[in-house]
Amino acid sequence: MHPPGWYPDPHVPGQLRWWDGGAWTADVVVRTPPGDAPGAYVGIDPFAHQGRAAGAGSGIGSPAGPWALPPTPSATVTGRGPGRVIAVVVVVVLLIGLLAAGGLVALGRSASSASSATSAKAPRSHPGGPTELEKRALAAGVPVLGAEGSATHTHTLVVITVDGRETNVPAFVGIDNADDQIAAVHTHDTSGVVHVESPTVGDTYTIGQFLILAGVGDDQVLCTTFANGPCQVDFVVAAPTEAQREAFKNYGTMPDSPPVTADGRNTRLAQGAVIEIRLTRTARPA
């Protein structure tokens, strides 16, 4: 697991993004163009997060590839004027902050190393053709990434029932650990919590797109997979139960009133929503 700190943004070259020890946050800093004051940043204080505790993390979504210290803003300074002093102070404070976070790495790495750390976030290329995840994601209209995005981050509880009895939602939908690929829509376990973690602000997806990623994109396959035969499929947006609220507490709160309305397979995934996929058998399984 990697320590918290500022690292090259895996999605936007030329800026830094805060890694909290478990995931990328929405906090970024952007270097000013050449000619501005040496060491200046646009956005939040680049040292404001030093001392933040590291959180739990997973393999996918962690900073990967060759790490490098974020390079200091380039500036041509002559003499011993205030500009030189400012540049030195910025470099010293940055190094102290990274040491405190436990994230100091070799200073000898070049700017190309920092660039490769960013490019390492892209999904692997496959000369033999697209992976199964890439095929499903293309059909679903969901991007495949090399790491979880953080610009849009929501959690929806999906419940699948067969004749009123709850069944597990598949784990690792949208995740291919062997090829270091993860779709912007995915599950990590069988709890039914569907994660939307996209590098694009305001990204929205539907329950239908999730089902395509899961390989059960039409009613017949959905019924065969979960009901072992023909069935009626209904999509319902329900108010959360107390048990669901308790199980969901690590992913945020659930509003009393559903945040979205049911619209079949077009029902939108949204933070704290409970979407039930109700399968009613129309013929008894053999």
C-alpha atoms as a PDB file:
ATOM      1  CA  MET A   1       0.000   0.000   0.000  1.00  0.00           C
ATOM      2  CA  HIS A   2       1.311   3.432  -0.908  1.00  0.00           C
ATOM      3  CA  PRO A   3       1.424   6.354   1.567  1.00  0.00           C
ATOM      4  CA  PRO A   4      -0.700   9.482   1.132  1.00  0.00           C
ATOM      5  CA  GLY A   5       0.785  12.377  -0.785  1.00  0.00           C
ATOM      6  CA  TRP A   6       0.745  14.502  -3.945  1.00  0.00           C
ATOM      7  CA  TYR A   7       1.533  12.556  -7.118  1.00  0.00           C
ATOM      8  CA  PRO A   8       1.174  13.133 -10.884  1.00  0.00           C
ATOM      9  CA  ASP A   9      -2.522  13.040 -11.733  1.00  0.00           C
ATOM     10  CA  PRO A  10      -3.304   9.681 -13.448  1.00  0.00           C
ATOM     11  CA  HIS A  11      -6.038  11.304 -15.532  1.00  0.00           C
ATOM     12  CA  VAL A  12      -4.887  14.876 -16.251  1.00  0.00           C
ATOM     13  CA  PRO A  13      -1.227  15.368 -17.216  1.00  0.00           C
ATOM     14  CA  GLY A  14       0.468  18.476 -15.840  1.00  0.00           C
ATOM     15  CA  GLN A  15      -1.213  18.584 -12.425  1.00  0.00           C
ATOM     16  CA  LEU A  16      -0.915  16.859  -9.058  1.00  0.00           C
ATOM     17  CA  ARG A  17      -3.706  14.908  -7.316  1.00  0.00           C
ATOM     18  CA  TRP A  18      -3.894  13.927  -3.615  1.00  0.00           C
ATOM     19  CA  TRP A  19      -3.671  10.169  -2.867  1.00  0.00           C
ATOM     20  CA  ASP A  20      -5.148   9.564   0.646  1.00  0.00           C
ATOM     21  CA  GLY A  21      -3.576   6.147   1.109  1.00  0.00           C
ATOM     22  CA  GLY A  22      -6.582   4.248  -0.239  1.00  0.00           C
ATOM     23  CA  ALA A  23      -7.906   6.185  -3.238  1.00  0.00           C
ATOM     24  CA  TRP A  24      -7.422   9.303  -5.349  1.00  0.00           C
ATOM     25  CA  THR A  25      -9.337  12.313  -4.011  1.00  0.00           C
ATOM     26  CA  ALA A  26     -10.890  15.247  -5.877  1.00  0.00           C
ATOM     27  CA  ASP A  27      -8.176  17.629  -4.630  1.00  0.00           C
ATOM     28  CA  VAL A  28      -5.749  18.789  -7.320  1.00  0.00           C
ATOM     29  CA  VAL A  29      -3.115  21.471  -7.804  1.00  0.00           C
ATOM     30  CA  VAL A  30      -1.976  22.863 -11.151  1.00  0.00           C
ATOM     31  CA  ARG A  31       1.389  24.411 -11.850  1.00  0.00           C
ATOM     32  CA  THR A  32       1.352  27.965 -13.160  1.00  0.00           C
ATOM     33  CA  PRO A  33       2.605  28.684 -16.694  1.00  0.00           C
ATOM     34  CA  PRO A  34       6.252  29.691 -17.210  1.00  0.00           C
ATOM     35  CA  GLY A  35       6.889  33.296 -16.223  1.00  0.00           C
ATOM     36  CA  ASP A  36       4.773  33.248 -13.075  1.00  0.00           C
ATOM     37  CA  ALA A  37       6.294  33.235  -9.613  1.00  0.00           C
ATOM     38  CA  PRO A  38       8.489  30.140  -9.100  1.00  0.00           C
ATOM     39  CA  GLY A  39       6.738  27.470  -7.079  1.00  0.00           C
ATOM     40  CA  ALA A  40       3.275  28.984  -7.510  1.00  0.00           C
ATOM     41  CA  TYR A  41       0.255  26.707  -7.735  1.00  0.00           C
ATOM     42  CA  VAL A  42      -3.293  27.243  -8.861  1.00  0.00           C
ATOM     43  CA  GLY A  43      -5.976  25.782  -6.573  1.00  0.00           C
ATOM     44  CA  ILE A  44      -5.601  24.579  -2.999  1.00  0.00           C
ATOM     45  CA  ASP A  45      -2.522  24.818  -0.789  1.00  0.00           C
ATOM     46  CA  PRO A  46      -0.307  21.956  -2.053  1.00  0.00           C
ATOM     47  CA  PHE A  47       0.813  21.181   1.485  1.00  0.00           C
ATOM     48  CA  ALA A  48      -2.618  21.334   3.147  1.00  0.00           C
ATOM     49  CA  HIS A  49      -3.010  17.558   3.369  1.00  0.00           C
ATOM     50  CA  GLN A  50       0.241  16.665   5.044  1.00  0.00           C
ATOM     51  CA  GLY A  51      -0.600  14.723   8.191  1.00  0.00           C
ATOM     52  CA  ARG A  52      -3.878  13.302   6.858  1.00  0.00           C
ATOM     53  CA  ALA A  53      -4.181   9.673   7.984  1.00  0.00           C
ATOM     54  CA  ALA A  54      -3.907   6.980   5.347  1.00  0.00           C
ATOM     55  CA  GLY A  55      -7.108   5.074   4.637  1.00  0.00           C
ATOM     56  CA  ALA A  56      -7.750   1.472   3.622  1.00  0.00           C
ATOM     57  CA  GLY A  57      -7.138   0.756  -0.028  1.00  0.00           C
ATOM     58  CA  SER A  58      -7.178  -1.990  -2.624  1.00  0.00           C
ATOM     59  CA  GLY A  59      -4.719  -3.016  -5.294  1.00  0.00           C
ATOM     60  CA  ILE A  60      -6.687  -1.465  -8.138  1.00  0.00           C
ATOM     61  CA  GLY A  61      -6.940   2.257  -7.597  1.00  0.00           C
ATOM     62  CA  SER A  62      -3.556   2.640  -5.900  1.00  0.00           C
ATOM     63  CA  PRO A  63      -0.757   4.729  -7.432  1.00  0.00           C
ATOM     64  CA  ALA A  64       1.169   2.394  -9.705  1.00  0.00           C
ATOM     65  CA  GLY A  65       4.144   2.362 -11.989  1.00  0.00           C
ATOM     66  CA  PRO A  66       7.486   4.089 -11.298  1.00  0.00           C
ATOM     67  CA  TRP A  67       6.920   6.796  -8.727  1.00  0.00           C
ATOM     68  CA  ALA A  68       8.693  10.115  -8.911  1.00  0.00           C
ATOM     69  CA  LEU A  69       8.596  13.227  -6.817  1.00  0.00           C
ATOM     70  CA  PRO A  70       6.286  15.760  -8.461  1.00  0.00           C
ATOM     71  CA  PRO A  71       8.786  17.954 -10.359  1.00  0.00           C
ATOM     72  CA  THR A  72       9.067  21.511  -9.126  1.00  0.00           C
ATOM     73  CA  PRO A  73       7.692  24.192 -11.467  1.00  0.00           C
ATOM     74  CA  SER A  74      10.278  25.196 -14.027  1.00  0.00           C
ATOM     75  CA  ALA A  75      11.574  28.735 -13.816  1.00  0.00           C
ATOM     76  CA  THR A  76      14.753  30.499 -14.909  1.00  0.00           C
ATOM     77  CA  VAL A  77      16.197  32.397 -11.959  1.00  0.00           C
ATOM     78  CA  THR A  78      19.342  34.466 -12.046  1.00  0.00           C
ATOM     79  CA  GLY A  79      21.238  36.079  -9.192  1.00  0.00           C
ATOM     80  CA  ARG A  80      20.233  35.696  -5.563  1.00  0.00           C
ATOM     81  CA  GLY A  81      16.992  37.645  -5.555  1.00  0.00           C
ATOM     82  CA  PRO A  82      13.685  36.777  -3.838  1.00  0.00           C
ATOM     83  CA  GLY A  83      12.672  34.443  -6.681  1.00  0.00           C
ATOM     84  CA  ARG A  84      15.568  32.106  -5.929  1.00  0.00           C
ATOM     85  CA  VAL A  85      14.714  32.075  -2.231  1.00  0.00           C
ATOM     86  CA  ILE A  86      11.066  31.274  -2.957  1.00  0.00           C
ATOM     87  CA  ALA A  87      12.035  28.370  -5.230  1.00  0.00           C
ATOM     88  CA  VAL A  88      14.381  26.911  -2.593  1.00  0.00           C
ATOM     89  CA  VAL A  89      11.755  27.202   0.151  1.00  0.00           C
ATOM     90  CA  VAL A  90       9.137  25.474  -1.973  1.00  0.00           C
ATOM     91  CA  VAL A  91      11.469  22.573  -2.763  1.00  0.00           C
ATOM     92  CA  VAL A  92      12.524  22.150   0.883  1.00  0.00           C
ATOM     93  CA  VAL A  93       8.943  22.219   2.211  1.00  0.00           C
ATOM     94  CA  LEU A  94       7.814  19.749  -0.446  1.00  0.00           C
ATOM     95  CA  LEU A  95      10.592  17.307   0.471  1.00  0.00           C
ATOM     96  CA  ILE A  96       9.843  17.615   4.198  1.00  0.00           C
ATOM     97  CA  GLY A  97       6.155  16.975   3.555  1.00  0.00           C
ATOM     98  CA  LEU A  98       6.844  13.865   1.506  1.00  0.00           C
ATOM     99  CA  LEU A  99       9.241  12.543   4.154  1.00  0.00           C
ATOM    100  CA  ALA A 100       6.527  13.010   6.804  1.00  0.00           C
ATOM    101  CA  ALA A 101       4.101  10.998   4.654  1.00  0.00           C
ATOM    102  CA  GLY A 102       6.662   8.247   4.126  1.00  0.00           C
ATOM    103  CA  GLY A 103       6.579   8.768   0.381  1.00  0.00           C
ATOM    104  CA  LEU A 104      10.078  10.029  -0.499  1.00  0.00           C
ATOM    105  CA  VAL A 105      11.609   8.244  -3.501  1.00  0.00           C
ATOM    106  CA  ALA A 106      14.836   8.626  -5.392  1.00  0.00           C
ATOM    107  CA  LEU A 107      15.476  12.141  -6.594  1.00  0.00           C
ATOM    108  CA  GLY A 108      17.370  10.843  -9.593  1.00  0.00           C
ATOM    109  CA  ARG A 109      14.221   9.919 -11.526  1.00  0.00           C
ATOM    110  CA  SER A 110      13.634  12.073 -14.556  1.00  0.00           C
ATOM    111  CA  ALA A 111      10.587  13.904 -15.809  1.00  0.00           C
ATOM    112  CA  SER A 112      10.017  10.986 -18.174  1.00  0.00           C
ATOM    113  CA  SER A 113       9.582   8.732 -15.131  1.00  0.00           C
ATOM    114  CA  ALA A 114       6.839  11.022 -13.831  1.00  0.00           C
ATOM    115  CA  SER A 115       5.213  10.874 -17.250  1.00  0.00           C
ATOM    116  CA  SER A 116       5.346   7.072 -17.275  1.00  0.00           C
ATOM    117  CA  ALA A 117       3.721   7.000 -13.826  1.00  0.00           C
ATOM    118  CA  THR A 118       0.780   8.815 -15.342  1.00  0.00           C
ATOM    119  CA  SER A 119       0.626   6.695 -18.487  1.00  0.00           C
ATOM    120  CA  ALA A 120       0.764   3.541 -16.351  1.00  0.00           C
ATOM    121  CA  LYS A 121      -2.852   4.280 -15.398  1.00  0.00           C
ATOM    122  CA  ALA A 122      -4.042   3.493 -18.909  1.00  0.00           C
ATOM    123  CA  PRO A 123      -5.418  -0.029 -19.500  1.00  0.00           C
ATOM    124  CA  ARG A 124      -2.950  -2.477 -20.981  1.00  0.00           C
ATOM    125  CA  SER A 125      -2.990  -2.934 -24.727  1.00  0.00           C
ATOM    126  CA  HIS A 126      -3.754  -6.421 -26.013  1.00  0.00           C
ATOM    127  CA  PRO A 127      -2.200  -7.386 -29.370  1.00  0.00           C
ATOM    128  CA  GLY A 128      -4.371 -10.514 -29.451  1.00  0.00           C
ATOM    129  CA  GLY A 129      -7.564  -8.487 -29.478  1.00  0.00           C
ATOM    130  CA  PRO A 130      -9.940  -7.005 -26.881  1.00  0.00           C
ATOM    131  CA  THR A 131     -10.424  -8.727 -23.548  1.00  0.00           C
ATOM    132  CA  GLU A 132     -13.833 -10.039 -22.461  1.00  0.00           C
ATOM    133  CA  LEU A 133     -14.206  -7.019 -20.182  1.00  0.00           C
ATOM    134  CA  GLU A 134     -13.410  -4.662 -23.066  1.00  0.00           C
ATOM    135  CA  LYS A 135     -16.035  -6.359 -25.237  1.00  0.00           C
ATOM    136  CA  ARG A 136     -18.725  -6.082 -22.579  1.00  0.00           C
ATOM    137  CA  ALA A 137     -17.750  -2.515 -21.698  1.00  0.00           C
ATOM    138  CA  LEU A 138     -17.917  -1.494 -25.357  1.00  0.00           C
ATOM    139  CA  ALA A 139     -21.411  -3.000 -25.640  1.00  0.00           C
ATOM    140  CA  ALA A 140     -22.455  -1.248 -22.423  1.00  0.00           C
ATOM    141  CA  GLY A 141     -20.936   2.122 -23.314  1.00  0.00           C
ATOM    142  CA  VAL A 142     -18.806   2.146 -20.160  1.00  0.00           C
ATOM    143  CA  PRO A 143     -15.109   3.147 -20.260  1.00  0.00           C
ATOM    144  CA  VAL A 144     -12.406   0.689 -19.211  1.00  0.00           C
ATOM    145  CA  LEU A 145      -9.670   2.248 -17.076  1.00  0.00           C
ATOM    146  CA  GLY A 146      -6.328   1.286 -15.609  1.00  0.00           C
ATOM    147  CA  ALA A 147      -7.421   2.539 -12.178  1.00  0.00           C
ATOM    148  CA  GLU A 148     -10.584   3.710 -10.452  1.00  0.00           C
ATOM    149  CA  GLY A 149     -11.570   7.272 -11.263  1.00  0.00           C
ATOM    150  CA  SER A 150     -12.395   9.810  -8.565  1.00  0.00           C
ATOM    151  CA  ALA A 151     -14.101  12.730 -10.314  1.00  0.00           C
ATOM    152  CA  THR A 152     -17.452  10.933 -10.024  1.00  0.00           C
ATOM    153  CA  HIS A 153     -17.801   8.449  -7.153  1.00  0.00           C
ATOM    154  CA  THR A 154     -21.210   7.015  -6.221  1.00  0.00           C
ATOM    155  CA  HIS A 155     -22.589   3.810  -4.723  1.00  0.00           C
ATOM    156  CA  THR A 156     -25.915   2.158  -5.531  1.00  0.00           C
ATOM    157  CA  LEU A 157     -27.369  -0.883  -3.757  1.00  0.00           C
ATOM    158  CA  VAL A 158     -28.659  -3.408  -6.308  1.00  0.00           C
ATOM    159  CA  VAL A 159     -30.889  -6.213  -5.013  1.00  0.00           C
ATOM    160  CA  ILE A 160     -31.835  -9.232  -7.145  1.00  0.00           C
ATOM    161  CA  THR A 161     -34.748 -11.385  -5.980  1.00  0.00           C
ATOM    162  CA  VAL A 162     -36.189 -14.595  -7.443  1.00  0.00           C
ATOM    163  CA  ASP A 163     -39.800 -15.192  -6.421  1.00  0.00           C
ATOM    164  CA  GLY A 164     -39.227 -12.822  -3.525  1.00  0.00           C
ATOM    165  CA  ARG A 165     -36.028 -14.468  -2.270  1.00  0.00           C
ATOM    166  CA  GLU A 166     -32.838 -12.437  -2.437  1.00  0.00           C
ATOM    167  CA  THR A 167     -29.854 -13.824  -4.339  1.00  0.00           C
ATOM    168  CA  ASN A 168     -26.268 -12.628  -4.584  1.00  0.00           C
ATOM    169  CA  VAL A 169     -25.201  -9.975  -7.049  1.00  0.00           C
ATOM    170  CA  PRO A 170     -21.997 -11.175  -8.786  1.00  0.00           C
ATOM    171  CA  ALA A 171     -18.659  -9.978  -7.428  1.00  0.00           C
ATOM    172  CA  PHE A 172     -15.965  -8.378  -9.609  1.00  0.00           C
ATOM    173  CA  VAL A 173     -18.330  -7.270 -12.344  1.00  0.00           C
ATOM    174  CA  GLY A 174     -16.328  -4.822 -14.471  1.00  0.00           C
ATOM    175  CA  ILE A 175     -12.973  -5.871 -12.998  1.00  0.00           C
ATOM    176  CA  ASP A 176     -10.194  -7.828 -14.719  1.00  0.00           C
ATOM    177  CA  ASN A 177      -7.330  -8.121 -12.243  1.00  0.00           C
ATOM    178  CA  ALA A 178      -5.239 -10.259 -14.591  1.00  0.00           C
ATOM    179  CA  ASP A 179      -5.052  -7.421 -17.127  1.00  0.00           C
ATOM    180  CA  ASP A 180      -5.145  -4.506 -14.658  1.00  0.00           C
ATOM    181  CA  GLN A 181      -8.444  -3.281 -16.072  1.00  0.00           C
ATOM    182  CA  ILE A 182     -11.450  -1.855 -14.285  1.00  0.00           C
ATOM    183  CA  ALA A 183     -14.619  -0.384 -15.745  1.00  0.00           C
ATOM    184  CA  ALA A 184     -16.035   2.886 -14.422  1.00  0.00           C
ATOM    185  CA  VAL A 185     -19.000   0.764 -13.196  1.00  0.00           C
ATOM    186  CA  HIS A 186     -18.087  -2.288 -11.118  1.00  0.00           C
ATOM    187  CA  THR A 187     -18.597  -4.435  -7.994  1.00  0.00           C
ATOM    188  CA  HIS A 188     -15.963  -5.634  -5.541  1.00  0.00           C
ATOM    189  CA  ASP A 189     -18.025  -8.288  -3.742  1.00  0.00           C
ATOM    190  CA  THR A 190     -21.472  -9.925  -3.592  1.00  0.00           C
ATOM    191  CA  SER A 191     -23.014  -7.259  -1.321  1.00  0.00           C
ATOM    192  CA  GLY A 192     -24.860  -5.649  -4.240  1.00  0.00           C
ATOM    193  CA  VAL A 193     -23.021  -2.332  -3.885  1.00  0.00           C
ATOM    194  CA  VAL A 194     -22.354  -1.069  -7.404  1.00  0.00           C
ATOM    195  CA  HIS A 195     -19.552   1.478  -7.631  1.00  0.00           C
ATOM    196  CA  VAL A 196     -19.392   4.255 -10.204  1.00  0.00           C
ATOM    197  CA  GLU A 197     -15.828   5.571 -10.099  1.00  0.00           C
ATOM    198  CA  SER A 198     -15.147   7.673 -13.163  1.00  0.00           C
ATOM    199  CA  PRO A 199     -12.467  10.218 -14.087  1.00  0.00           C
ATOM    200  CA  THR A 200     -15.203  12.350 -15.685  1.00  0.00           C
ATOM    201  CA  VAL A 201     -17.217  14.762 -13.543  1.00  0.00           C
ATOM    202  CA  GLY A 202     -20.967  14.112 -13.584  1.00  0.00           C
ATOM    203  CA  ASP A 203     -20.766  10.710 -15.295  1.00  0.00           C
ATOM    204  CA  THR A 204     -24.051   8.772 -15.043  1.00  0.00           C
ATOM    205  CA  TYR A 205     -24.836   5.161 -15.878  1.00  0.00           C
ATOM    206  CA  THR A 206     -27.891   2.888 -15.740  1.00  0.00           C
ATOM    207  CA  ILE A 207     -28.800  -0.488 -14.285  1.00  0.00           C
ATOM    208  CA  GLY A 208     -29.052  -1.777 -17.861  1.00  0.00           C
ATOM    209  CA  GLN A 209     -25.412  -0.884 -18.530  1.00  0.00           C
ATOM    210  CA  PHE A 210     -24.394  -2.669 -15.342  1.00  0.00           C
ATOM    211  CA  LEU A 211     -26.266  -5.817 -16.409  1.00  0.00           C
ATOM    212  CA  ILE A 212     -24.498  -5.804 -19.790  1.00  0.00           C
ATOM    213  CA  LEU A 213     -21.150  -5.602 -17.973  1.00  0.00           C
ATOM    214  CA  ALA A 214     -22.292  -8.565 -15.862  1.00  0.00           C
ATOM    215  CA  GLY A 215     -23.049 -10.581 -19.013  1.00  0.00           C
ATOM    216  CA  VAL A 216     -26.822 -10.696 -18.421  1.00  0.00           C
ATOM    217  CA  GLY A 217     -27.863  -7.894 -20.715  1.00  0.00           C
ATOM    218  CA  ASP A 218     -31.255  -9.217 -21.846  1.00  0.00           C
ATOM    219  CA  ASP A 219     -34.222 -10.722 -20.014  1.00  0.00           C
ATOM    220  CA  GLN A 220     -33.733 -14.257 -21.319  1.00  0.00           C
ATOM    221  CA  VAL A 221     -30.112 -14.499 -20.162  1.00  0.00           C
ATOM    222  CA  LEU A 222     -30.949 -12.718 -16.901  1.00  0.00           C
ATOM    223  CA  CYS A 223     -33.767 -15.198 -16.156  1.00  0.00           C
ATOM    224  CA  THR A 224     -31.736 -18.243 -17.193  1.00  0.00           C
ATOM    225  CA  THR A 225     -28.808 -17.169 -15.039  1.00  0.00           C
ATOM    226  CA  PHE A 226     -30.687 -16.307 -11.849  1.00  0.00           C
ATOM    227  CA  ALA A 227     -34.122 -17.977 -12.131  1.00  0.00           C
ATOM    228  CA  ASN A 228     -33.038 -21.072 -14.060  1.00  0.00           C
ATOM    229  CA  GLY A 229     -35.764 -20.534 -16.637  1.00  0.00           C
ATOM    230  CA  PRO A 230     -38.313 -18.088 -18.050  1.00  0.00           C
ATOM    231  CA  CYS A 231     -39.376 -15.257 -15.783  1.00  0.00           C
ATOM    232  CA  GLN A 232     -40.901 -11.803 -15.619  1.00  0.00           C
ATOM    233  CA  VAL A 233     -38.430  -8.983 -14.941  1.00  0.00           C
ATOM    234  CA  ASP A 234     -39.385  -5.840 -13.018  1.00  0.00           C
ATOM    235  CA  PHE A 235     -37.176  -2.942 -11.964  1.00  0.00           C
ATOM    236  CA  VAL A 236     -38.218  -1.184  -8.749  1.00  0.00           C
ATOM    237  CA  VAL A 237     -36.646   1.723  -6.874  1.00  0.00           C
ATOM    238  CA  ALA A 238     -37.361   1.051  -3.204  1.00  0.00           C
ATOM    239  CA  ALA A 239     -36.993   2.925   0.066  1.00  0.00           C
ATOM    240  CA  PRO A 240     -34.117   1.463   2.096  1.00  0.00           C
ATOM    241  CA  THR A 241     -34.735  -0.822   5.056  1.00  0.00           C
ATOM    242  CA  GLU A 242     -32.912  -0.338   8.351  1.00  0.00           C
ATOM    243  CA  ALA A 243     -30.850  -3.443   7.638  1.00  0.00           C
ATOM    244  CA  GLN A 244     -29.823  -2.015   4.288  1.00  0.00           C
ATOM    245  CA  ARG A 245     -28.890   1.322   5.859  1.00  0.00           C
ATOM    246  CA  GLU A 246     -26.687  -0.462   8.378  1.00  0.00           C
ATOM    247  CA  ALA A 247     -24.964  -2.603   5.761  1.00  0.00           C
ATOM    248  CA  PHE A 248     -24.469   0.432   3.505  1.00  0.00           C
ATOM    249  CA  LYS A 249     -23.038   2.814   6.119  1.00  0.00           C
ATOM    250  CA  ASN A 250     -19.457   2.453   4.871  1.00  0.00           C
ATOM    251  CA  TYR A 251     -20.581   3.825   1.489  1.00  0.00           C
ATOM    252  CA  GLY A 252     -22.460   6.892   2.706  1.00  0.00           C
ATOM    253  CA  THR A 253     -26.029   7.598   3.736  1.00  0.00           C
ATOM    254  CA  MET A 254     -29.263   6.490   2.084  1.00  0.00           C
ATOM    255  CA  PRO A 255     -31.932   9.167   1.647  1.00  0.00           C
ATOM    256  CA  ASP A 256     -35.413   8.447   2.989  1.00  0.00           C
ATOM    257  CA  SER A 257     -36.916   9.200  -0.418  1.00  0.00           C
ATOM    258  CA  PRO A 258     -35.382   7.390  -3.405  1.00  0.00           C
ATOM    259  CA  PRO A 259     -33.053   9.769  -5.308  1.00  0.00           C
ATOM    260  CA  VAL A 260     -34.130   8.349  -8.699  1.00  0.00           C
ATOM    261  CA  THR A 261     -37.289   6.977 -10.274  1.00  0.00           C
ATOM    262  CA  ALA A 262     -37.745   3.532 -11.802  1.00  0.00           C
ATOM    263  CA  ASP A 263     -37.369   3.497 -15.581  1.00  0.00           C
ATOM    264  CA  GLY A 264     -36.752  -0.130 -16.434  1.00  0.00           C
ATOM    265  CA  ARG A 265     -33.237  -0.769 -17.659  1.00  0.00           C
ATOM    266  CA  ASN A 266     -32.754   2.993 -17.944  1.00  0.00           C
ATOM    267  CA  THR A 267     -33.050   3.399 -14.166  1.00  0.00           C
ATOM    268  CA  ARG A 268     -30.089   5.538 -13.206  1.00  0.00           C
ATOM    269  CA  LEU A 269     -27.438   4.416 -10.734  1.00  0.00           C
ATOM    270  CA  ALA A 270     -27.247   7.062  -7.996  1.00  0.00           C
ATOM    271  CA  GLN A 271     -25.692   7.540  -4.582  1.00  0.00           C
ATOM    272  CA  GLY A 272     -27.732   5.770  -1.902  1.00  0.00           C
ATOM    273  CA  ALA A 273     -30.398   4.445  -4.280  1.00  0.00           C
ATOM    274  CA  VAL A 274     -31.826   0.948  -3.804  1.00  0.00           C
ATOM    275  CA  ILE A 275     -32.679  -0.684  -7.133  1.00  0.00           C
ATOM    276  CA  GLU A 276     -34.462  -4.034  -6.974  1.00  0.00           C
ATOM    277  CA  ILE A 277     -34.458  -6.404  -9.925  1.00  0.00           C
ATOM    278  CA  ARG A 278     -37.443  -8.643  -9.239  1.00  0.00           C
ATOM    279  CA  LEU A 279     -37.535 -11.914 -11.138  1.00  0.00           C
ATOM    280  CA  THR A 280     -40.793 -13.889 -11.027  1.00  0.00           C
ATOM    281  CA  ARG A 281     -40.677 -17.373 -12.540  1.00  0.00           C
ATOM    282  CA  THR A 282     -43.274 -18.032 -15.206  1.00  0.00           C
ATOM    283  CA  ALA A 283     -42.402 -21.735 -15.381  1.00  0.00           C
ATOM    284  CA  ARG A 284     -40.973 -24.018 -12.745  1.00  0.00           C
ATOM    285  CA  PRO A 285     -37.333 -24.996 -13.302  1.00  0.00           C
ATOM    286  CA  ALA A 286     -36.689 -28.539 -14.467  1.00  0.00           C
END
